[in-house]
C-alpha atoms as a PDB file:
ATOM      1  CA  MET A   1      -8.675 -19.464   9.188  1.00  0.00           C
ATOM      2  CA  GLN A   2      -7.109 -16.310  10.949  1.00  0.00           C
ATOM      3  CA  GLN A   3      -5.060 -13.974   8.800  1.00  0.00           C
ATOM      4  CA  ILE A   4      -3.495 -10.100   9.572  1.00  0.00           C
ATOM      5  CA  LYS A   5      -4.101  -6.485   7.174  1.00  0.00           C
ATOM      6  CA  ILE A   6      -1.356  -4.092   7.543  1.00  0.00           C
ATOM      7  CA  PHE A   7      -1.787  -0.451   6.671  1.00  0.00           C
ATOM      8  CA  LYS A   8      -0.039   2.344   7.605  1.00  0.00           C
ATOM      9  CA  SER A   9       0.478   6.474   7.004  1.00  0.00           C
ATOM     10  CA  LEU A  10       1.754   8.737   8.491  1.00  0.00           C
ATOM     11  CA  GLU A  11       0.330  11.180  11.282  1.00  0.00           C
ATOM     12  CA  SER A  12      -0.342  13.701   9.122  1.00  0.00           C
ATOM     13  CA  ASP A  13      -2.653  11.783   6.922  1.00  0.00           C
ATOM     14  CA  LEU A  14      -5.021  10.246  10.295  1.00  0.00           C
ATOM     15  CA  ALA A  15      -7.949  11.045   8.617  1.00  0.00           C
ATOM     16  CA  ALA A  16      -7.316   9.105   4.750  1.00  0.00           C
ATOM     17  CA  LEU A  17      -5.812   6.563   6.555  1.00  0.00           C
ATOM     18  CA  GLU A  18      -9.588   6.222   9.062  1.00  0.00           C
ATOM     19  CA  LYS A  19     -10.280   5.709   5.568  1.00  0.00           C
ATOM     20  CA  GLU A  20      -8.973   3.441   4.239  1.00  0.00           C
ATOM     21  CA  VAL A  21      -9.956   0.925   6.737  1.00  0.00           C
ATOM     22  CA  ASN A  22     -13.414   1.585   7.499  1.00  0.00           C
ATOM     23  CA  THR A  23     -12.937   1.036   3.174  1.00  0.00           C
ATOM     24  CA  TRP A  24     -11.632  -2.246   3.167  1.00  0.00           C
ATOM     25  CA  LEU A  25     -13.753  -3.122   6.344  1.00  0.00           C
ATOM     26  CA  ALA A  26     -17.151  -2.656   4.642  1.00  0.00           C
ATOM     27  CA  GLN A  27     -16.040  -4.166   1.448  1.00  0.00           C
ATOM     28  CA  SER A  28     -14.353  -7.201   2.891  1.00  0.00           C
ATOM     29  CA  HIS A  29     -16.794  -8.748   5.184  1.00  0.00           C
ATOM     30  CA  VAL A  30     -14.023 -10.247   7.427  1.00  0.00           C
ATOM     31  CA  GLU A  31     -15.035 -10.939  10.661  1.00  0.00           C
ATOM     32  CA  VAL A  32     -11.814  -8.548  13.064  1.00  0.00           C
ATOM     33  CA  VAL A  33     -10.683 -10.112  15.709  1.00  0.00           C
ATOM     34  CA  GLU A  34      -8.215  -8.152  16.917  1.00  0.00           C
ATOM     35  CA  MET A  35      -7.266  -4.376  16.016  1.00  0.00           C
ATOM     36  CA  PHE A  36      -3.685  -3.025  16.891  1.00  0.00           C
ATOM     37  CA  GLY A  37      -1.642  -0.099  16.131  1.00  0.00           C
ATOM     38  CA  ASN A  38       1.611   2.070  17.614  1.00  0.00           C
ATOM     39  CA  ILE A  39       2.788   5.122  15.855  1.00  0.00           C
ATOM     40  CA  ALA A  40       6.991   5.762  15.387  1.00  0.00           C
ATOM     41  CA  PRO A  41       8.660   9.470  16.488  1.00  0.00           C
ATOM     42  CA  GLN A  42      10.329  10.717  13.654  1.00  0.00           C
ATOM     43  CA  SER A  43      13.340  12.541  13.224  1.00  0.00           C
ATOM     44  CA  PRO A  44      13.642  16.653  14.213  1.00  0.00           C
ATOM     45  CA  ALA A  45      11.757  18.148  11.462  1.00  0.00           C
ATOM     46  CA  ALA A  46      13.364  21.026   9.526  1.00  0.00           C
ATOM     47  CA  GLU A  47      11.833  24.261  10.122  1.00  0.00           C
ATOM     48  CA  GLY A  48       9.134  25.286   9.371  1.00  0.00           C
ATOM     49  CA  GLN A  49       8.874  21.162   8.343  1.00  0.00           C
ATOM     50  CA  SER A  50       6.099  20.286  10.937  1.00  0.00           C
ATOM     51  CA  MET A  51       3.288  18.826   9.681  1.00  0.00           C
ATOM     52  CA  THR A  52       1.701  17.052  13.360  1.00  0.00           C
ATOM     53  CA  LEU A  53      -1.214  17.417  15.171  1.00  0.00           C
ATOM     54  CA  HIS A  54       0.667  20.119  17.078  1.00  0.00           C
ATOM     55  CA  LYS A  55       3.120  22.094  16.832  1.00  0.00           C
ATOM     56  CA  GLY A  56       6.543  21.006  17.575  1.00  0.00           C
ATOM     57  CA  SER A  57       9.987  20.244  15.526  1.00  0.00           C
ATOM     58  CA  PHE A  58       9.471  16.612  14.955  1.00  0.00           C
ATOM     59  CA  ALA A  59       8.029  15.302  10.856  1.00  0.00           C
ATOM     60  CA  PRO A  60       5.107  13.424  11.485  1.00  0.00           C
ATOM     61  CA  SER A  61       5.379  10.082  12.430  1.00  0.00           C
ATOM     62  CA  ASP A  62       4.269   7.186  10.719  1.00  0.00           C
ATOM     63  CA  VAL A  63       1.602   5.406  11.617  1.00  0.00           C
ATOM     64  CA  MET A  64       0.974   1.595  12.089  1.00  0.00           C
ATOM     65  CA  LEU A  65      -2.942  -0.360  11.839  1.00  0.00           C
ATOM     66  CA  VAL A  66      -2.347  -4.549  12.013  1.00  0.00           C
ATOM     67  CA  VAL A  67      -6.737  -6.018  11.590  1.00  0.00           C
ATOM     68  CA  LEU A  68      -6.222  -9.284  12.382  1.00  0.00           C
ATOM     69  CA  TYR A  69      -9.224 -10.887  11.030  1.00  0.00           C
ATOM     70  CA  GLN A  70     -11.139 -14.006   9.749  1.00  0.00           C
ATOM     71  CA  ALA A  71     -12.903 -15.149   6.679  1.00  0.00           C
ATOM     72  CA  ALA A  72     -17.362 -14.251   8.092  1.00  0.00           C
ATOM     73  CA  GLY A  73     -19.434 -17.036   7.620  1.00  0.00           C
END
C-alpha cells in the first residue's frame, strides 16, 4: 500500500530540511515511488528582516516536500 510523508520548512532552513528527509529515508527503509515539492512566496518582510536565499524585501518562503512511498520488501 502506498503512503505519503510530508515535510515542511522554510527557504532559509533548507539544509535542515535536507538532513531531516535524508535521515528519515535512511531509517525508514522505504521504497520511494515519487518525490515532489513546492515553494510558496510570502508577504514582504519588514525592512532588514529578509532571510531568503537572495537579498530582497520578502520573508522566507514556505517549502513543502511530499514523499510517496511504500514499505520495502
